[in-house]
Amino acid sequence: MKVGFIGLGIMGRPMSKNLIKAGYELFVCDHNKNNVDDVVAAGAKSAENGAAIAKECDVIITMVQNSPQVREVALGAGGIIETAKAGTVLIDMSSIDPVESRKIGAELAKKGVEMLDCPVSGGEPKAIDGTLSIMVGGKKELYDKYVDLLKKMGSSAVYVGELGAGNVAKLANQIVVAVNIAAVSEALMLARKAGADPELVYQAIRGGLAGSTVMDAKAPMILNHNYKPGFRIELHIKDLTNALNAAHAVTSPVPLTAQVMEMMEALKADGFEKDDHSALAKYYEKLTNLQIGK
């Protein structure tokens, strides 16, 4: 099967390489030539833009930053819609506003192009080892047809509902992750201020009800002041912006999301937007003038 892949950033590059390893013939494009050259060296073929990819491929994956970028590569000049044949399928694995997913899907449908929204969770490490969690929205028959392709990039690909539902699930995921990191940071700072060892407090509580995948991934980073990005604050701000917009559109209150969003904006104002989102701990360190870890 010929597969197109647009967007070869932190996530897209390892995801595309996993498809090559799985035996798919891959056509790729990205604004960054070095990223393209890297994936071509792994066995892909380069293409100028989405239109060039759509000439070659009946299924095209996009993994770009946000809604405007998905709209551009799908519907803009040199985009997929210019050359896509009826029956072509766009699998958008970006994390975007579900309302925009539905709008883009409606425009593509006018030319007979189908769309799935399939955002992912797991960050760069799971993109590299092919164990991402994938949330799928769109027609069930399309999910059934392409689930094996998706599972070459993830350990799970769960069907959530109609187009847009995948991104609703991703926004729910990002709310839980953001609030969880903030809570872990707050709790570890309490331990530090109260004279307990935050490392030992983490070890004491991680096996109980407070334990979580988020805690085990992020507490060690916080304790070691290791904020090398697996998922940058600026990207989480993007996701929470989409979460707030989606929530407001259906009048669903999200006060915790709004609070953590403002914490992240404060960190961005201090120049930390390129840090991993575990750097939420820096918000508490600034308030207390103490470091959580040793």
C-alpha atoms as a PDB file:
ATOM      1  CA  MET A   1       0.000   0.000   0.000  1.00  0.00           C
ATOM      2  CA  LYS A   2       1.259   3.495  -0.881  1.00  0.00           C
ATOM      3  CA  VAL A   3       0.857   5.846   2.087  1.00  0.00           C
ATOM      4  CA  GLY A   4       1.395   9.595   2.180  1.00  0.00           C
ATOM      5  CA  PHE A   5       2.716  11.252   5.323  1.00  0.00           C
ATOM      6  CA  ILE A   6       2.665  15.028   5.828  1.00  0.00           C
ATOM      7  CA  GLY A   7       4.376  16.487   8.888  1.00  0.00           C
ATOM      8  CA  LEU A   8       7.699  15.073  10.065  1.00  0.00           C
ATOM      9  CA  GLY A   9       8.247  16.800  13.391  1.00  0.00           C
ATOM     10  CA  ILE A  10       8.985  15.316  16.806  1.00  0.00           C
ATOM     11  CA  MET A  11       6.085  12.888  16.470  1.00  0.00           C
ATOM     12  CA  GLY A  12       5.679  12.475  12.730  1.00  0.00           C
ATOM     13  CA  ARG A  13       9.244  11.475  11.977  1.00  0.00           C
ATOM     14  CA  PRO A  14       9.342   8.356  14.191  1.00  0.00           C
ATOM     15  CA  MET A  15       5.758   7.471  13.277  1.00  0.00           C
ATOM     16  CA  SER A  16       6.607   7.551   9.578  1.00  0.00           C
ATOM     17  CA  LYS A  17       9.714   5.429  10.153  1.00  0.00           C
ATOM     18  CA  ASN A  18       7.602   2.793  11.882  1.00  0.00           C
ATOM     19  CA  LEU A  19       5.408   2.591   8.784  1.00  0.00           C
ATOM     20  CA  ILE A  20       8.508   2.090   6.632  1.00  0.00           C
ATOM     21  CA  LYS A  21       9.668  -0.681   8.971  1.00  0.00           C
ATOM     22  CA  ALA A  22       6.231  -2.279   8.601  1.00  0.00           C
ATOM     23  CA  GLY A  23       6.708  -2.461   4.828  1.00  0.00           C
ATOM     24  CA  TYR A  24       4.567   0.422   3.568  1.00  0.00           C
ATOM     25  CA  GLU A  25       5.719   2.446   0.564  1.00  0.00           C
ATOM     26  CA  LEU A  26       5.811   5.961   1.964  1.00  0.00           C
ATOM     27  CA  PHE A  27       5.684   9.372   0.270  1.00  0.00           C
ATOM     28  CA  VAL A  28       6.517  12.250   2.623  1.00  0.00           C
ATOM     29  CA  CYS A  29       6.695  16.022   2.776  1.00  0.00           C
ATOM     30  CA  ASP A  30       7.481  18.642   5.411  1.00  0.00           C
ATOM     31  CA  HIS A  31       8.562  22.292   5.501  1.00  0.00           C
ATOM     32  CA  ASN A  32      11.838  21.176   7.117  1.00  0.00           C
ATOM     33  CA  LYS A  33      14.127  19.642   4.474  1.00  0.00           C
ATOM     34  CA  ASN A  34      16.353  18.003   7.080  1.00  0.00           C
ATOM     35  CA  ASN A  35      13.365  16.094   8.441  1.00  0.00           C
ATOM     36  CA  VAL A  36      12.434  14.950   4.943  1.00  0.00           C
ATOM     37  CA  ASP A  37      16.015  13.869   4.201  1.00  0.00           C
ATOM     38  CA  ASP A  38      16.105  11.874   7.442  1.00  0.00           C
ATOM     39  CA  VAL A  39      12.952   9.897   6.596  1.00  0.00           C
ATOM     40  CA  VAL A  40      13.989   9.477   2.953  1.00  0.00           C
ATOM     41  CA  ALA A  41      17.251   7.958   4.222  1.00  0.00           C
ATOM     42  CA  ALA A  42      15.089   5.428   6.086  1.00  0.00           C
ATOM     43  CA  GLY A  43      13.374   4.418   2.843  1.00  0.00           C
ATOM     44  CA  ALA A  44      10.646   6.960   2.027  1.00  0.00           C
ATOM     45  CA  LYS A  45      10.188   8.975  -1.173  1.00  0.00           C
ATOM     46  CA  SER A  46       9.914  12.756  -0.984  1.00  0.00           C
ATOM     47  CA  ALA A  47       7.112  14.836  -2.477  1.00  0.00           C
ATOM     48  CA  GLU A  48       6.762  18.574  -2.937  1.00  0.00           C
ATOM     49  CA  ASN A  49       3.402  19.022  -1.207  1.00  0.00           C
ATOM     50  CA  GLY A  50       0.071  17.451  -0.378  1.00  0.00           C
ATOM     51  CA  ALA A  51      -1.130  17.649  -3.976  1.00  0.00           C
ATOM     52  CA  ALA A  52       1.908  15.680  -5.150  1.00  0.00           C
ATOM     53  CA  ILE A  53       1.310  13.071  -2.461  1.00  0.00           C
ATOM     54  CA  ALA A  54      -2.386  12.757  -3.346  1.00  0.00           C
ATOM     55  CA  LYS A  55      -1.409  11.901  -6.936  1.00  0.00           C
ATOM     56  CA  GLU A  56       0.467   8.858  -5.653  1.00  0.00           C
ATOM     57  CA  CYS A  57      -1.474   7.727  -2.576  1.00  0.00           C
ATOM     58  CA  ASP A  58      -5.043   6.757  -1.748  1.00  0.00           C
ATOM     59  CA  VAL A  59      -4.448   7.112   1.993  1.00  0.00           C
ATOM     60  CA  ILE A  60      -2.673  10.141   3.452  1.00  0.00           C
ATOM     61  CA  ILE A  61      -1.655  10.764   7.061  1.00  0.00           C
ATOM     62  CA  THR A  62      -1.194  14.276   8.430  1.00  0.00           C
ATOM     63  CA  MET A  63       0.671  15.027  11.658  1.00  0.00           C
ATOM     64  CA  VAL A  64       0.948  18.797  11.901  1.00  0.00           C
ATOM     65  CA  GLN A  65       0.709  21.394  14.643  1.00  0.00           C
ATOM     66  CA  ASN A  66      -2.891  22.625  14.760  1.00  0.00           C
ATOM     67  CA  SER A  67      -6.161  23.271  12.939  1.00  0.00           C
ATOM     68  CA  PRO A  68      -4.841  25.950  10.522  1.00  0.00           C
ATOM     69  CA  GLN A  69      -2.039  23.673   9.367  1.00  0.00           C
ATOM     70  CA  VAL A  70      -4.415  20.758   8.765  1.00  0.00           C
ATOM     71  CA  ARG A  71      -6.701  23.057   6.783  1.00  0.00           C
ATOM     72  CA  GLU A  72      -3.732  24.316   4.754  1.00  0.00           C
ATOM     73  CA  VAL A  73      -2.374  20.899   3.757  1.00  0.00           C
ATOM     74  CA  ALA A  74      -5.852  19.504   3.112  1.00  0.00           C
ATOM     75  CA  LEU A  75      -7.627  22.400   1.400  1.00  0.00           C
ATOM     76  CA  GLY A  76      -5.051  25.116   0.648  1.00  0.00           C
ATOM     77  CA  ALA A  77      -2.888  25.835  -2.388  1.00  0.00           C
ATOM     78  CA  GLY A  78      -0.903  22.727  -3.218  1.00  0.00           C
ATOM     79  CA  GLY A  79      -3.109  20.801  -0.828  1.00  0.00           C
ATOM     80  CA  ILE A  80      -4.512  17.291  -0.920  1.00  0.00           C
ATOM     81  CA  ILE A  81      -7.855  18.360  -2.360  1.00  0.00           C
ATOM     82  CA  GLU A  82      -6.252  19.630  -5.587  1.00  0.00           C
ATOM     83  CA  THR A  83      -5.417  16.153  -6.912  1.00  0.00           C
ATOM     84  CA  ALA A  84      -7.127  13.651  -4.616  1.00  0.00           C
ATOM     85  CA  LYS A  85      -9.318  11.080  -6.301  1.00  0.00           C
ATOM     86  CA  ALA A  86     -12.742  10.131  -5.000  1.00  0.00           C
ATOM     87  CA  GLY A  87     -12.243   7.466  -2.360  1.00  0.00           C
ATOM     88  CA  THR A  88      -8.984   8.925  -1.052  1.00  0.00           C
ATOM     89  CA  VAL A  89      -8.807   8.862   2.747  1.00  0.00           C
ATOM     90  CA  LEU A  90      -7.185  11.507   4.921  1.00  0.00           C
ATOM     91  CA  ILE A  91      -6.139  10.223   8.348  1.00  0.00           C
ATOM     92  CA  ASP A  92      -5.420  13.312  10.408  1.00  0.00           C
ATOM     93  CA  MET A  93      -3.362  12.363  13.447  1.00  0.00           C
ATOM     94  CA  SER A  94      -2.827  15.953  14.575  1.00  0.00           C
ATOM     95  CA  SER A  95      -4.459  17.221  17.767  1.00  0.00           C
ATOM     96  CA  ILE A  96      -6.904  19.912  16.687  1.00  0.00           C
ATOM     97  CA  ASP A  97     -10.286  21.451  17.453  1.00  0.00           C
ATOM     98  CA  PRO A  98     -12.976  18.789  16.787  1.00  0.00           C
ATOM     99  CA  VAL A  99     -15.260  21.447  15.308  1.00  0.00           C
ATOM    100  CA  GLU A 100     -12.584  22.194  12.717  1.00  0.00           C
ATOM    101  CA  SER A 101     -12.110  18.477  12.022  1.00  0.00           C
ATOM    102  CA  ARG A 102     -15.760  18.248  11.053  1.00  0.00           C
ATOM    103  CA  LYS A 103     -15.558  21.375   8.871  1.00  0.00           C
ATOM    104  CA  ILE A 104     -12.488  20.135   7.013  1.00  0.00           C
ATOM    105  CA  GLY A 105     -14.107  16.728   6.586  1.00  0.00           C
ATOM    106  CA  ALA A 106     -17.210  18.329   5.097  1.00  0.00           C
ATOM    107  CA  GLU A 107     -15.121  20.243   2.539  1.00  0.00           C
ATOM    108  CA  LEU A 108     -13.186  17.126   1.552  1.00  0.00           C
ATOM    109  CA  ALA A 109     -16.409  15.137   1.231  1.00  0.00           C
ATOM    110  CA  LYS A 110     -17.524  17.449  -1.592  1.00  0.00           C
ATOM    111  CA  LYS A 111     -14.780  15.858  -3.692  1.00  0.00           C
ATOM    112  CA  GLY A 112     -15.437  12.350  -2.429  1.00  0.00           C
ATOM    113  CA  VAL A 113     -12.503  12.348  -0.006  1.00  0.00           C
ATOM    114  CA  GLU A 114     -13.112  10.617   3.331  1.00  0.00           C
ATOM    115  CA  MET A 115     -11.537  11.625   6.642  1.00  0.00           C
ATOM    116  CA  LEU A 116     -10.679  10.076   9.993  1.00  0.00           C
ATOM    117  CA  ASP A 117      -9.472  12.137  12.964  1.00  0.00           C
ATOM    118  CA  CYS A 118      -6.950  10.026  14.874  1.00  0.00           C
ATOM    119  CA  PRO A 119      -5.016  12.077  17.443  1.00  0.00           C
ATOM    120  CA  VAL A 120      -2.459  10.294  19.595  1.00  0.00           C
ATOM    121  CA  SER A 121      -1.207  10.247  23.156  1.00  0.00           C
ATOM    122  CA  GLY A 122       2.148   9.091  24.458  1.00  0.00           C
ATOM    123  CA  GLY A 123       4.664  11.691  23.322  1.00  0.00           C
ATOM    124  CA  GLU A 124       7.945  11.160  21.515  1.00  0.00           C
ATOM    125  CA  PRO A 125       9.066   8.013  23.404  1.00  0.00           C
ATOM    126  CA  LYS A 126       5.940   6.084  22.441  1.00  0.00           C
ATOM    127  CA  ALA A 127       6.059   7.495  18.886  1.00  0.00           C
ATOM    128  CA  ILE A 128       9.558   6.034  18.602  1.00  0.00           C
ATOM    129  CA  ASP A 129       8.687   2.574  19.921  1.00  0.00           C
ATOM    130  CA  GLY A 130       5.298   2.439  18.180  1.00  0.00           C
ATOM    131  CA  THR A 131       3.166   2.221  21.303  1.00  0.00           C
ATOM    132  CA  LEU A 132       1.060   5.354  20.979  1.00  0.00           C
ATOM    133  CA  SER A 133      -2.558   5.402  22.111  1.00  0.00           C
ATOM    134  CA  ILE A 134      -4.701   6.408  19.141  1.00  0.00           C
ATOM    135  CA  MET A 135      -8.246   7.790  19.399  1.00  0.00           C
ATOM    136  CA  VAL A 136     -10.284   7.416  16.214  1.00  0.00           C
ATOM    137  CA  GLY A 137     -13.264   9.372  14.935  1.00  0.00           C
ATOM    138  CA  GLY A 138     -15.030   8.873  11.592  1.00  0.00           C
ATOM    139  CA  LYS A 139     -16.977   6.208   9.762  1.00  0.00           C
ATOM    140  CA  LYS A 140     -16.729   2.820  11.454  1.00  0.00           C
ATOM    141  CA  GLU A 141     -16.079   1.066   8.153  1.00  0.00           C
ATOM    142  CA  LEU A 142     -13.052   3.311   7.550  1.00  0.00           C
ATOM    143  CA  TYR A 143     -11.762   2.516  11.020  1.00  0.00           C
ATOM    144  CA  ASP A 144     -12.139  -1.191  10.319  1.00  0.00           C
ATOM    145  CA  LYS A 145     -10.262  -0.812   7.030  1.00  0.00           C
ATOM    146  CA  TYR A 146      -7.303   1.133   8.420  1.00  0.00           C
ATOM    147  CA  VAL A 147      -6.981  -0.048  12.014  1.00  0.00           C
ATOM    148  CA  ASP A 148      -4.092  -2.356  11.085  1.00  0.00           C
ATOM    149  CA  LEU A 149      -2.234   0.590   9.551  1.00  0.00           C
ATOM    150  CA  LEU A 150      -2.808   2.639  12.697  1.00  0.00           C
ATOM    151  CA  LYS A 151      -1.533  -0.178  14.892  1.00  0.00           C
ATOM    152  CA  LYS A 152       1.834  -0.029  13.139  1.00  0.00           C
ATOM    153  CA  MET A 153       2.226   3.288  15.006  1.00  0.00           C
ATOM    154  CA  GLY A 154       0.379   2.555  18.235  1.00  0.00           C
ATOM    155  CA  SER A 155      -0.331  -0.214  20.691  1.00  0.00           C
ATOM    156  CA  SER A 156      -4.014   0.707  20.675  1.00  0.00           C
ATOM    157  CA  ALA A 157      -6.388   2.377  18.232  1.00  0.00           C
ATOM    158  CA  VAL A 158      -9.792   2.798  19.857  1.00  0.00           C
ATOM    159  CA  TYR A 159     -12.863   3.797  17.852  1.00  0.00           C
ATOM    160  CA  VAL A 160     -14.667   6.642  19.648  1.00  0.00           C
ATOM    161  CA  GLY A 161     -17.423   7.726  17.251  1.00  0.00           C
ATOM    162  CA  GLU A 162     -18.132   9.939  14.265  1.00  0.00           C
ATOM    163  CA  LEU A 163     -15.678  12.445  12.801  1.00  0.00           C
ATOM    164  CA  GLY A 164     -14.466  14.814  15.512  1.00  0.00           C
ATOM    165  CA  ALA A 165     -14.894  12.301  18.321  1.00  0.00           C
ATOM    166  CA  GLY A 166     -11.230  11.348  18.158  1.00  0.00           C
ATOM    167  CA  ASN A 167     -10.201  14.906  18.946  1.00  0.00           C
ATOM    168  CA  VAL A 168     -12.828  15.175  21.679  1.00  0.00           C
ATOM    169  CA  ALA A 169     -11.180  12.156  23.315  1.00  0.00           C
ATOM    170  CA  LYS A 170      -7.730  13.739  22.884  1.00  0.00           C
ATOM    171  CA  LEU A 171      -8.881  16.979  24.517  1.00  0.00           C
ATOM    172  CA  ALA A 172     -10.273  14.975  27.431  1.00  0.00           C
ATOM    173  CA  ASN A 173      -6.896  13.236  27.653  1.00  0.00           C
ATOM    174  CA  GLN A 174      -5.028  16.543  27.664  1.00  0.00           C
ATOM    175  CA  ILE A 175      -7.236  17.949  30.419  1.00  0.00           C
ATOM    176  CA  VAL A 176      -6.527  14.927  32.625  1.00  0.00           C
ATOM    177  CA  VAL A 177      -2.779  15.062  31.914  1.00  0.00           C
ATOM    178  CA  ALA A 178      -2.476  18.808  32.564  1.00  0.00           C
ATOM    179  CA  VAL A 179      -4.444  18.780  35.787  1.00  0.00           C
ATOM    180  CA  ASN A 180      -2.578  15.669  36.952  1.00  0.00           C
ATOM    181  CA  ILE A 181       0.857  17.263  36.390  1.00  0.00           C
ATOM    182  CA  ALA A 182      -0.267  20.365  38.247  1.00  0.00           C
ATOM    183  CA  ALA A 183      -1.550  18.257  41.154  1.00  0.00           C
ATOM    184  CA  VAL A 184       1.681  16.247  41.314  1.00  0.00           C
ATOM    185  CA  SER A 185       3.715  19.464  41.321  1.00  0.00           C
ATOM    186  CA  GLU A 186       1.540  20.982  44.025  1.00  0.00           C
ATOM    187  CA  ALA A 187       1.753  17.871  46.207  1.00  0.00           C
ATOM    188  CA  LEU A 188       5.517  17.538  45.878  1.00  0.00           C
ATOM    189  CA  MET A 189       6.000  21.193  46.744  1.00  0.00           C
ATOM    190  CA  LEU A 190       3.835  20.678  49.835  1.00  0.00           C
ATOM    191  CA  ALA A 191       6.142  17.830  50.829  1.00  0.00           C
ATOM    192  CA  ARG A 192       9.189  20.032  50.313  1.00  0.00           C
ATOM    193  CA  LYS A 193       7.745  22.947  52.310  1.00  0.00           C
ATOM    194  CA  ALA A 194       6.568  20.655  55.111  1.00  0.00           C
ATOM    195  CA  GLY A 195      10.043  19.182  55.564  1.00  0.00           C
ATOM    196  CA  ALA A 196       9.452  15.767  53.995  1.00  0.00           C
ATOM    197  CA  ASP A 197      11.586  14.331  51.210  1.00  0.00           C
ATOM    198  CA  PRO A 198       9.573  14.753  47.964  1.00  0.00           C
ATOM    199  CA  GLU A 199      11.259  11.675  46.453  1.00  0.00           C
ATOM    200  CA  LEU A 200      10.178   9.487  49.364  1.00  0.00           C
ATOM    201  CA  VAL A 201       6.674  10.977  49.350  1.00  0.00           C
ATOM    202  CA  TYR A 202       6.421  10.122  45.646  1.00  0.00           C
ATOM    203  CA  GLN A 203       7.525   6.543  46.338  1.00  0.00           C
ATOM    204  CA  ALA A 204       5.031   6.279  49.205  1.00  0.00           C
ATOM    205  CA  ILE A 205       1.987   7.403  47.237  1.00  0.00           C
ATOM    206  CA  ARG A 206       2.653   6.079  43.736  1.00  0.00           C
ATOM    207  CA  GLY A 207       1.357   2.594  44.594  1.00  0.00           C
ATOM    208  CA  GLY A 208      -1.933   3.853  46.007  1.00  0.00           C
ATOM    209  CA  LEU A 209      -4.982   5.524  44.528  1.00  0.00           C
ATOM    210  CA  ALA A 210      -2.982   8.672  43.742  1.00  0.00           C
ATOM    211  CA  GLY A 211      -0.631   6.713  41.501  1.00  0.00           C
ATOM    212  CA  SER A 212      -0.943   7.212  37.744  1.00  0.00           C
ATOM    213  CA  THR A 213       0.936   6.886  34.489  1.00  0.00           C
ATOM    214  CA  VAL A 214       1.295  10.658  34.489  1.00  0.00           C
ATOM    215  CA  MET A 215       2.796  10.673  37.981  1.00  0.00           C
ATOM    216  CA  ASP A 216       5.312   7.941  37.110  1.00  0.00           C
ATOM    217  CA  ALA A 217       6.320   9.718  33.897  1.00  0.00           C
ATOM    218  CA  LYS A 218       6.558  13.256  35.266  1.00  0.00           C
ATOM    219  CA  ALA A 219       7.426  13.100  38.978  1.00  0.00           C
ATOM    220  CA  PRO A 220      10.959  11.785  38.291  1.00  0.00           C
ATOM    221  CA  MET A 221      11.487  14.594  35.789  1.00  0.00           C
ATOM    222  CA  ILE A 222      10.322  17.173  38.334  1.00  0.00           C
ATOM    223  CA  LEU A 223      12.504  15.721  41.081  1.00  0.00           C
ATOM    224  CA  ASN A 224      15.558  15.776  38.789  1.00  0.00           C
ATOM    225  CA  HIS A 225      14.778  19.151  37.222  1.00  0.00           C
ATOM    226  CA  ASN A 226      14.823  17.452  33.836  1.00  0.00           C
ATOM    227  CA  TYR A 227      12.568  19.429  31.535  1.00  0.00           C
ATOM    228  CA  LYS A 228      13.846  18.130  28.196  1.00  0.00           C
ATOM    229  CA  PRO A 229      10.686  18.210  26.091  1.00  0.00           C
ATOM    230  CA  GLY A 230       8.749  15.098  25.324  1.00  0.00           C
ATOM    231  CA  PHE A 231       5.701  17.330  25.009  1.00  0.00           C
ATOM    232  CA  ARG A 232       6.305  21.068  25.124  1.00  0.00           C
ATOM    233  CA  ILE A 233       4.340  23.537  27.228  1.00  0.00           C
ATOM    234  CA  GLU A 234       3.508  25.550  24.108  1.00  0.00           C
ATOM    235  CA  LEU A 235       1.855  22.503  22.551  1.00  0.00           C
ATOM    236  CA  HIS A 236      -0.140  21.795  25.686  1.00  0.00           C
ATOM    237  CA  ILE A 237      -1.286  25.419  25.662  1.00  0.00           C
ATOM    238  CA  LYS A 238      -2.507  24.814  22.106  1.00  0.00           C
ATOM    239  CA  ASP A 239      -4.429  21.720  23.200  1.00  0.00           C
ATOM    240  CA  LEU A 240      -5.984  23.418  26.219  1.00  0.00           C
ATOM    241  CA  THR A 241      -7.003  26.360  24.025  1.00  0.00           C
ATOM    242  CA  ASN A 242      -8.815  23.881  21.793  1.00  0.00           C
ATOM    243  CA  ALA A 243     -10.326  22.228  24.880  1.00  0.00           C
ATOM    244  CA  LEU A 244     -11.639  25.561  26.156  1.00  0.00           C
ATOM    245  CA  ASN A 245     -13.057  26.441  22.731  1.00  0.00           C
ATOM    246  CA  ALA A 246     -14.745  23.059  22.365  1.00  0.00           C
ATOM    247  CA  ALA A 247     -16.113  23.196  25.899  1.00  0.00           C
ATOM    248  CA  HIS A 248     -17.488  26.694  25.425  1.00  0.00           C
ATOM    249  CA  ALA A 249     -19.150  25.608  22.176  1.00  0.00           C
ATOM    250  CA  VAL A 250     -21.235  23.044  24.085  1.00  0.00           C
ATOM    251  CA  THR A 251     -21.469  25.020  27.368  1.00  0.00           C
ATOM    252  CA  SER A 252     -19.491  22.448  29.356  1.00  0.00           C
ATOM    253  CA  PRO A 253     -17.743  24.113  32.344  1.00  0.00           C
ATOM    254  CA  VAL A 254     -13.987  23.419  32.557  1.00  0.00           C
ATOM    255  CA  PRO A 255     -12.712  25.537  35.477  1.00  0.00           C
ATOM    256  CA  LEU A 256      -9.701  23.321  36.265  1.00  0.00           C
ATOM    257  CA  THR A 257      -8.631  23.413  32.632  1.00  0.00           C
ATOM    258  CA  ALA A 258      -8.815  27.199  32.639  1.00  0.00           C
ATOM    259  CA  GLN A 259      -6.711  27.406  35.812  1.00  0.00           C
ATOM    260  CA  VAL A 260      -3.936  25.144  34.509  1.00  0.00           C
ATOM    261  CA  MET A 261      -4.029  26.988  31.191  1.00  0.00           C
ATOM    262  CA  GLU A 262      -3.235  30.244  33.028  1.00  0.00           C
ATOM    263  CA  MET A 263      -0.392  28.527  34.893  1.00  0.00           C
ATOM    264  CA  MET A 264       1.090  27.440  31.576  1.00  0.00           C
ATOM    265  CA  GLU A 265       0.648  30.925  30.147  1.00  0.00           C
ATOM    266  CA  ALA A 266       2.588  32.290  33.134  1.00  0.00           C
ATOM    267  CA  LEU A 267       5.414  29.875  32.372  1.00  0.00           C
ATOM    268  CA  LYS A 268       5.357  30.926  28.735  1.00  0.00           C
ATOM    269  CA  ALA A 269       5.654  34.559  29.837  1.00  0.00           C
ATOM    270  CA  ASP A 270       8.778  33.537  31.789  1.00  0.00           C
ATOM    271  CA  GLY A 271      10.285  31.947  28.679  1.00  0.00           C
ATOM    272  CA  PHE A 272       9.683  28.285  29.478  1.00  0.00           C
ATOM    273  CA  GLU A 273       7.301  27.425  26.621  1.00  0.00           C
ATOM    274  CA  LYS A 274       9.838  25.058  24.990  1.00  0.00           C
ATOM    275  CA  ASP A 275      10.192  23.028  28.207  1.00  0.00           C
ATOM    276  CA  ASP A 276       8.382  19.765  28.830  1.00  0.00           C
ATOM    277  CA  HIS A 277       4.956  20.228  30.383  1.00  0.00           C
ATOM    278  CA  SER A 278       6.343  18.745  33.596  1.00  0.00           C
ATOM    279  CA  ALA A 279       7.855  22.223  34.007  1.00  0.00           C
ATOM    280  CA  LEU A 280       4.516  23.165  35.548  1.00  0.00           C
ATOM    281  CA  ALA A 281       6.523  22.500  38.694  1.00  0.00           C
ATOM    282  CA  LYS A 282       8.419  25.742  37.998  1.00  0.00           C
ATOM    283  CA  TYR A 283       5.192  27.643  38.619  1.00  0.00           C
ATOM    284  CA  TYR A 284       5.202  26.416  42.225  1.00  0.00           C
ATOM    285  CA  GLU A 285       8.939  26.924  42.560  1.00  0.00           C
ATOM    286  CA  LYS A 286       8.527  30.559  41.579  1.00  0.00           C
ATOM    287  CA  LEU A 287       5.704  31.047  44.087  1.00  0.00           C
ATOM    288  CA  THR A 288       7.718  29.563  46.946  1.00  0.00           C
ATOM    289  CA  ASN A 289      11.257  30.451  45.865  1.00  0.00           C
ATOM    290  CA  LEU A 290      12.181  26.801  46.479  1.00  0.00           C
ATOM    291  CA  GLN A 291      13.078  23.894  44.216  1.00  0.00           C
ATOM    292  CA  ILE A 292      11.097  20.710  44.637  1.00  0.00           C
ATOM    293  CA  GLY A 293      13.963  18.320  43.952  1.00  0.00           C
ATOM    294  CA  LYS A 294      17.416  18.118  45.437  1.00  0.00           C
END
